[in-house]
Amino acid sequence: MEPDRAIEIVQSLADGVNPFTDERFPSTSPYQQADTVRALHLALEAMTKVTSSMPPESLLYCTSSLST
């Protein structure tokens, strides 16, 4: 998986939206709970920092090694 796609998916989840159907999760969903949203935003921050600090060639290696 491309790192940018992973970030898009986590961003959708943090926004309370199913990343595959674009439907909003119901208010009873774990993705709508405050602690879950905070955790997803922390994960997004970390993912963004890691991918922005990595040289492009290492992202290609990371992507190809994850798909095997």
PDB file of N, CA and C in Angstrom:
ATOM      1  N   MET A   1       0.844  -1.182   0.000  1.00  0.00           N
ATOM      2  CA  MET A   1       0.000   0.000   0.000  1.00  0.00           C
ATOM      3  C   MET A   1       0.883   1.236   0.000  1.00  0.00           C
ATOM      4  N   GLU A   2       0.457   2.196  -0.779  1.00  0.00           N
ATOM      5  CA  GLU A   2       1.169   3.468  -0.814  1.00  0.00           C
ATOM      6  C   GLU A   2       0.937   4.207   0.504  1.00  0.00           C
ATOM      7  N   PRO A   3       1.979   4.820   1.054  1.00  0.00           N
ATOM      8  CA  PRO A   3       1.807   5.565   2.307  1.00  0.00           C
ATOM      9  C   PRO A   3       0.738   6.651   2.220  1.00  0.00           C
ATOM     10  N   ASP A   4       0.641   7.335   1.087  1.00  0.00           N
ATOM     11  CA  ASP A   4      -0.375   8.381   0.948  1.00  0.00           C
ATOM     12  C   ASP A   4      -1.785   7.804   1.040  1.00  0.00           C
ATOM     13  N   ARG A   5      -1.975   6.611   0.491  1.00  0.00           N
ATOM     14  CA  ARG A   5      -3.294   5.973   0.562  1.00  0.00           C
ATOM     15  C   ARG A   5      -3.622   5.580   2.000  1.00  0.00           C
ATOM     16  N   ALA A   6      -2.618   5.084   2.722  1.00  0.00           N
ATOM     17  CA  ALA A   6      -2.831   4.729   4.127  1.00  0.00           C
ATOM     18  C   ALA A   6      -3.246   5.955   4.936  1.00  0.00           C
ATOM     19  N   ILE A   7      -2.616   7.079   4.658  1.00  0.00           N
ATOM     20  CA  ILE A   7      -2.961   8.326   5.346  1.00  0.00           C
ATOM     21  C   ILE A   7      -4.391   8.738   5.004  1.00  0.00           C
ATOM     22  N   GLU A   8      -4.789   8.605   3.747  1.00  0.00           N
ATOM     23  CA  GLU A   8      -6.161   8.934   3.352  1.00  0.00           C
ATOM     24  C   GLU A   8      -7.179   8.083   4.113  1.00  0.00           C
ATOM     25  N   ILE A   9      -6.885   6.789   4.247  1.00  0.00           N
ATOM     26  CA  ILE A   9      -7.801   5.887   4.945  1.00  0.00           C
ATOM     27  C   ILE A   9      -7.930   6.269   6.411  1.00  0.00           C
ATOM     28  N   VAL A  10      -6.803   6.494   7.067  1.00  0.00           N
ATOM     29  CA  VAL A  10      -6.844   6.861   8.486  1.00  0.00           C
ATOM     30  C   VAL A  10      -7.527   8.220   8.664  1.00  0.00           C
ATOM     31  N   GLN A  11      -7.308   9.138   7.733  1.00  0.00           N
ATOM     32  CA  GLN A  11      -7.966  10.444   7.806  1.00  0.00           C
ATOM     33  C   GLN A  11      -9.481  10.284   7.718  1.00  0.00           C
ATOM     34  N   SER A  12      -9.935   9.442   6.810  1.00  0.00           N
ATOM     35  CA  SER A  12     -11.380   9.194   6.698  1.00  0.00           C
ATOM     36  C   SER A  12     -11.943   8.625   7.991  1.00  0.00           C
ATOM     37  N   LEU A  13     -11.248   7.652   8.555  1.00  0.00           N
ATOM     38  CA  LEU A  13     -11.694   7.064   9.815  1.00  0.00           C
ATOM     39  C   LEU A  13     -11.750   8.119  10.917  1.00  0.00           C
ATOM     40  N   ALA A  14     -10.748   8.970  10.976  1.00  0.00           N
ATOM     41  CA  ALA A  14     -10.714  10.034  11.987  1.00  0.00           C
ATOM     42  C   ALA A  14     -11.855  11.022  11.786  1.00  0.00           C
ATOM     43  N   ASP A  15     -12.283  11.179  10.545  1.00  0.00           N
ATOM     44  CA  ASP A  15     -13.400  12.073  10.229  1.00  0.00           C
ATOM     45  C   ASP A  15     -14.760  11.402  10.435  1.00  0.00           C
ATOM     46  N   GLY A  16     -14.728  10.123  10.836  1.00  0.00           N
ATOM     47  CA  GLY A  16     -15.976   9.411  11.078  1.00  0.00           C
ATOM     48  C   GLY A  16     -16.649   8.914   9.821  1.00  0.00           C
ATOM     49  N   VAL A  17     -15.843   8.702   8.772  1.00  0.00           N
ATOM     50  CA  VAL A  17     -16.378   8.295   7.477  1.00  0.00           C
ATOM     51  C   VAL A  17     -15.733   6.980   7.050  1.00  0.00           C
ATOM     52  N   ASN A  18     -16.554   6.069   6.541  1.00  0.00           N
ATOM     53  CA  ASN A  18     -16.041   4.819   6.006  1.00  0.00           C
ATOM     54  C   ASN A  18     -15.222   5.144   4.759  1.00  0.00           C
ATOM     55  N   PRO A  19     -13.928   4.791   4.730  1.00  0.00           N
ATOM     56  CA  PRO A  19     -13.079   5.178   3.610  1.00  0.00           C
ATOM     57  C   PRO A  19     -13.408   4.461   2.297  1.00  0.00           C
ATOM     58  N   PHE A  20     -14.220   3.435   2.352  1.00  0.00           N
ATOM     59  CA  PHE A  20     -14.522   2.659   1.160  1.00  0.00           C
ATOM     60  C   PHE A  20     -15.905   2.950   0.593  1.00  0.00           C
ATOM     61  N   THR A  21     -16.801   3.457   1.434  1.00  0.00           N
ATOM     62  CA  THR A  21     -18.159   3.754   0.972  1.00  0.00           C
ATOM     63  C   THR A  21     -18.508   5.238   1.073  1.00  0.00           C
ATOM     64  N   ASP A  22     -17.683   6.007   1.755  1.00  0.00           N
ATOM     65  CA  ASP A  22     -17.912   7.432   2.016  1.00  0.00           C
ATOM     66  C   ASP A  22     -19.151   7.700   2.866  1.00  0.00           C
ATOM     67  N   GLU A  23     -19.648   6.669   3.533  1.00  0.00           N
ATOM     68  CA  GLU A  23     -20.783   6.848   4.429  1.00  0.00           C
ATOM     69  C   GLU A  23     -20.279   7.227   5.819  1.00  0.00           C
ATOM     70  N   ARG A  24     -21.013   8.103   6.480  1.00  0.00           N
ATOM     71  CA  ARG A  24     -20.672   8.507   7.837  1.00  0.00           C
ATOM     72  C   ARG A  24     -21.011   7.362   8.786  1.00  0.00           C
ATOM     73  N   PHE A  25     -20.101   7.120   9.741  1.00  0.00           N
ATOM     74  CA  PHE A  25     -20.369   6.099  10.745  1.00  0.00           C
ATOM     75  C   PHE A  25     -21.465   6.583  11.687  1.00  0.00           C
ATOM     76  N   PRO A  26     -22.288   5.672  12.199  1.00  0.00           N
ATOM     77  CA  PRO A  26     -23.320   6.084  13.163  1.00  0.00           C
ATOM     78  C   PRO A  26     -22.677   6.598  14.453  1.00  0.00           C
ATOM     79  N   SER A  27     -23.410   7.371  15.196  1.00  0.00           N
ATOM     80  CA  SER A  27     -22.868   7.965  16.428  1.00  0.00           C
ATOM     81  C   SER A  27     -22.462   6.910  17.452  1.00  0.00           C
ATOM     82  N   THR A  28     -22.980   5.710  17.329  1.00  0.00           N
ATOM     83  CA  THR A  28     -22.625   4.630  18.256  1.00  0.00           C
ATOM     84  C   THR A  28     -21.357   3.877  17.828  1.00  0.00           C
ATOM     85  N   SER A  29     -20.821   4.214  16.685  1.00  0.00           N
ATOM     86  CA  SER A  29     -19.622   3.543  16.176  1.00  0.00           C
ATOM     87  C   SER A  29     -18.399   3.891  17.024  1.00  0.00           C
ATOM     88  N   PRO A  30     -17.491   2.941  17.205  1.00  0.00           N
ATOM     89  CA  PRO A  30     -16.244   3.252  17.922  1.00  0.00           C
ATOM     90  C   PRO A  30     -15.443   4.364  17.241  1.00  0.00           C
ATOM     91  N   TYR A  31     -15.630   4.525  15.933  1.00  0.00           N
ATOM     92  CA  TYR A  31     -14.907   5.582  15.213  1.00  0.00           C
ATOM     93  C   TYR A  31     -15.443   6.974  15.524  1.00  0.00           C
ATOM     94  N   GLN A  32     -16.581   7.066  16.195  1.00  0.00           N
ATOM     95  CA  GLN A  32     -17.146   8.351  16.573  1.00  0.00           C
ATOM     96  C   GLN A  32     -16.846   8.709  18.037  1.00  0.00           C
ATOM     97  N   GLN A  33     -16.165   7.826  18.739  1.00  0.00           N
ATOM     98  CA  GLN A  33     -15.835   8.074  20.145  1.00  0.00           C
ATOM     99  C   GLN A  33     -14.634   9.025  20.230  1.00  0.00           C
ATOM    100  N   ALA A  34     -14.684   9.937  21.166  1.00  0.00           N
ATOM    101  CA  ALA A  34     -13.654  10.984  21.277  1.00  0.00           C
ATOM    102  C   ALA A  34     -12.241  10.421  21.389  1.00  0.00           C
ATOM    103  N   ASP A  35     -12.034   9.403  22.221  1.00  0.00           N
ATOM    104  CA  ASP A  35     -10.686   8.847  22.378  1.00  0.00           C
ATOM    105  C   ASP A  35     -10.191   8.200  21.094  1.00  0.00           C
ATOM    106  N   THR A  36     -11.087   7.561  20.359  1.00  0.00           N
ATOM    107  CA  THR A  36     -10.703   6.950  19.090  1.00  0.00           C
ATOM    108  C   THR A  36     -10.292   8.020  18.091  1.00  0.00           C
ATOM    109  N   VAL A  37     -11.068   9.081  18.015  1.00  0.00           N
ATOM    110  CA  VAL A  37     -10.761  10.176  17.090  1.00  0.00           C
ATOM    111  C   VAL A  37      -9.409  10.795  17.449  1.00  0.00           C
ATOM    112  N   ARG A  38      -9.161  11.014  18.729  1.00  0.00           N
ATOM    113  CA  ARG A  38      -7.866  11.574  19.161  1.00  0.00           C
ATOM    114  C   ARG A  38      -6.717  10.637  18.787  1.00  0.00           C
ATOM    115  N   ALA A  39      -6.903   9.351  19.014  1.00  0.00           N
ATOM    116  CA  ALA A  39      -5.858   8.367  18.692  1.00  0.00           C
ATOM    117  C   ALA A  39      -5.579   8.348  17.186  1.00  0.00           C
ATOM    118  N   LEU A  40      -6.617   8.410  16.390  1.00  0.00           N
ATOM    119  CA  LEU A  40      -6.429   8.420  14.939  1.00  0.00           C
ATOM    120  C   LEU A  40      -5.704   9.684  14.484  1.00  0.00           C
ATOM    121  N   HIS A  41      -6.006  10.813  15.107  1.00  0.00           N
ATOM    122  CA  HIS A  41      -5.305  12.051  14.746  1.00  0.00           C
ATOM    123  C   HIS A  41      -3.829  11.990  15.153  1.00  0.00           C
ATOM    124  N   LEU A  42      -3.536  11.379  16.282  1.00  0.00           N
ATOM    125  CA  LEU A  42      -2.133  11.189  16.671  1.00  0.00           C
ATOM    126  C   LEU A  42      -1.424  10.270  15.679  1.00  0.00           C
ATOM    127  N   ALA A  43      -2.100   9.219  15.258  1.00  0.00           N
ATOM    128  CA  ALA A  43      -1.524   8.307  14.268  1.00  0.00           C
ATOM    129  C   ALA A  43      -1.277   9.033  12.953  1.00  0.00           C
ATOM    130  N   LEU A  44      -2.217   9.861  12.544  1.00  0.00           N
ATOM    131  CA  LEU A  44      -2.046  10.643  11.317  1.00  0.00           C
ATOM    132  C   LEU A  44      -0.839  11.566  11.401  1.00  0.00           C
ATOM    133  N   GLU A  45      -0.702  12.213  12.530  1.00  0.00           N
ATOM    134  CA  GLU A  45       0.439  13.116  12.728  1.00  0.00           C
ATOM    135  C   GLU A  45       1.749  12.346  12.603  1.00  0.00           C
ATOM    136  N   ALA A  46       1.819  11.191  13.239  1.00  0.00           N
ATOM    137  CA  ALA A  46       3.037  10.374  13.175  1.00  0.00           C
ATOM    138  C   ALA A  46       3.289   9.872  11.757  1.00  0.00           C
ATOM    139  N   MET A  47       2.253   9.399  11.097  1.00  0.00           N
ATOM    140  CA  MET A  47       2.406   8.894   9.728  1.00  0.00           C
ATOM    141  C   MET A  47       2.891   9.995   8.794  1.00  0.00           C
ATOM    142  N   THR A  48       2.351  11.187   8.952  1.00  0.00           N
ATOM    143  CA  THR A  48       2.735  12.308   8.104  1.00  0.00           C
ATOM    144  C   THR A  48       4.184  12.705   8.342  1.00  0.00           C
ATOM    145  N   LYS A  49       4.590  12.742   9.613  1.00  0.00           N
ATOM    146  CA  LYS A  49       5.978  13.082   9.930  1.00  0.00           C
ATOM    147  C   LYS A  49       6.941  12.057   9.352  1.00  0.00           C
ATOM    148  N   VAL A  50       6.624  10.789   9.507  1.00  0.00           N
ATOM    149  CA  VAL A  50       7.505   9.729   9.018  1.00  0.00           C
ATOM    150  C   VAL A  50       7.620   9.789   7.506  1.00  0.00           C
ATOM    151  N   THR A  51       6.490   9.892   6.814  1.00  0.00           N
ATOM    152  CA  THR A  51       6.546   9.880   5.355  1.00  0.00           C
ATOM    153  C   THR A  51       7.184  11.143   4.797  1.00  0.00           C
ATOM    154  N   SER A  52       7.014  12.278   5.470  1.00  0.00           N
ATOM    155  CA  SER A  52       7.617  13.511   4.956  1.00  0.00           C
ATOM    156  C   SER A  52       9.117  13.557   5.208  1.00  0.00           C
ATOM    157  N   SER A  53       9.598  12.791   6.181  1.00  0.00           N
ATOM    158  CA  SER A  53      11.033  12.811   6.469  1.00  0.00           C
ATOM    159  C   SER A  53      11.796  11.707   5.747  1.00  0.00           C
ATOM    160  N   MET A  54      11.076  10.810   5.080  1.00  0.00           N
ATOM    161  CA  MET A  54      11.734   9.712   4.378  1.00  0.00           C
ATOM    162  C   MET A  54      12.025  10.111   2.942  1.00  0.00           C
ATOM    163  N   PRO A  55      13.214   9.756   2.444  1.00  0.00           N
ATOM    164  CA  PRO A  55      13.488  10.013   1.025  1.00  0.00           C
ATOM    165  C   PRO A  55      12.547   9.172   0.154  1.00  0.00           C
ATOM    166  N   PRO A  56      12.175   9.670  -1.003  1.00  0.00           N
ATOM    167  CA  PRO A  56      11.213   8.962  -1.861  1.00  0.00           C
ATOM    168  C   PRO A  56      11.595   7.520  -2.174  1.00  0.00           C
ATOM    169  N   GLU A  57      12.889   7.244  -2.342  1.00  0.00           N
ATOM    170  CA  GLU A  57      13.289   5.871  -2.670  1.00  0.00           C
ATOM    171  C   GLU A  57      13.019   4.901  -1.519  1.00  0.00           C
ATOM    172  N   SER A  58      13.052   5.379  -0.279  1.00  0.00           N
ATOM    173  CA  SER A  58      12.761   4.487   0.842  1.00  0.00           C
ATOM    174  C   SER A  58      11.271   4.213   0.943  1.00  0.00           C
ATOM    175  N   LEU A  59      10.445   5.161   0.511  1.00  0.00           N
ATOM    176  CA  LEU A  59       9.007   4.919   0.487  1.00  0.00           C
ATOM    177  C   LEU A  59       8.671   3.834  -0.525  1.00  0.00           C
ATOM    178  N   LEU A  60       9.380   3.824  -1.646  1.00  0.00           N
ATOM    179  CA  LEU A  60       9.155   2.768  -2.631  1.00  0.00           C
ATOM    180  C   LEU A  60       9.534   1.417  -2.063  1.00  0.00           C
ATOM    181  N   TYR A  61      10.651   1.368  -1.332  1.00  0.00           N
ATOM    182  CA  TYR A  61      11.060   0.111  -0.722  1.00  0.00           C
ATOM    183  C   TYR A  61      10.043  -0.332   0.298  1.00  0.00           C
ATOM    184  N   CYS A  62       9.598   0.575   1.111  1.00  0.00           N
ATOM    185  CA  CYS A  62       8.604   0.262   2.151  1.00  0.00           C
ATOM    186  C   CYS A  62       7.335  -0.271   1.521  1.00  0.00           C
ATOM    187  N   THR A  63       6.880   0.361   0.478  1.00  0.00           N
ATOM    188  CA  THR A  63       5.654  -0.041  -0.191  1.00  0.00           C
ATOM    189  C   THR A  63       5.790  -1.428  -0.799  1.00  0.00           C
ATOM    190  N   SER A  64       6.906  -1.697  -1.473  1.00  0.00           N
ATOM    191  CA  SER A  64       7.059  -3.000  -2.118  1.00  0.00           C
ATOM    192  C   SER A  64       7.251  -4.104  -1.110  1.00  0.00           C
ATOM    193  N   SER A  65       7.893  -3.834   0.005  1.00  0.00           N
ATOM    194  CA  SER A  65       8.100  -4.890   1.011  1.00  0.00           C
ATOM    195  C   SER A  65       6.819  -5.206   1.767  1.00  0.00           C
ATOM    196  N   LEU A  66       5.914  -4.244   1.872  1.00  0.00           N
ATOM    197  CA  LEU A  66       4.654  -4.476   2.566  1.00  0.00           C
ATOM    198  C   LEU A  66       3.689  -5.304   1.723  1.00  0.00           C
ATOM    199  N   SER A  67       3.830  -5.258   0.425  1.00  0.00           N
ATOM    200  CA  SER A  67       2.871  -5.942  -0.431  1.00  0.00           C
ATOM    201  C   SER A  67       3.203  -7.423  -0.640  1.00  0.00           C
ATOM    202  N   THR A  68       4.285  -7.890  -0.081  1.00  0.00           N
ATOM    203  CA  THR A  68       4.629  -9.310  -0.236  1.00  0.00           C
ATOM    204  C   THR A  68       4.114 -10.133   0.896  1.00  0.00           C
TER     205      THR A  68
END
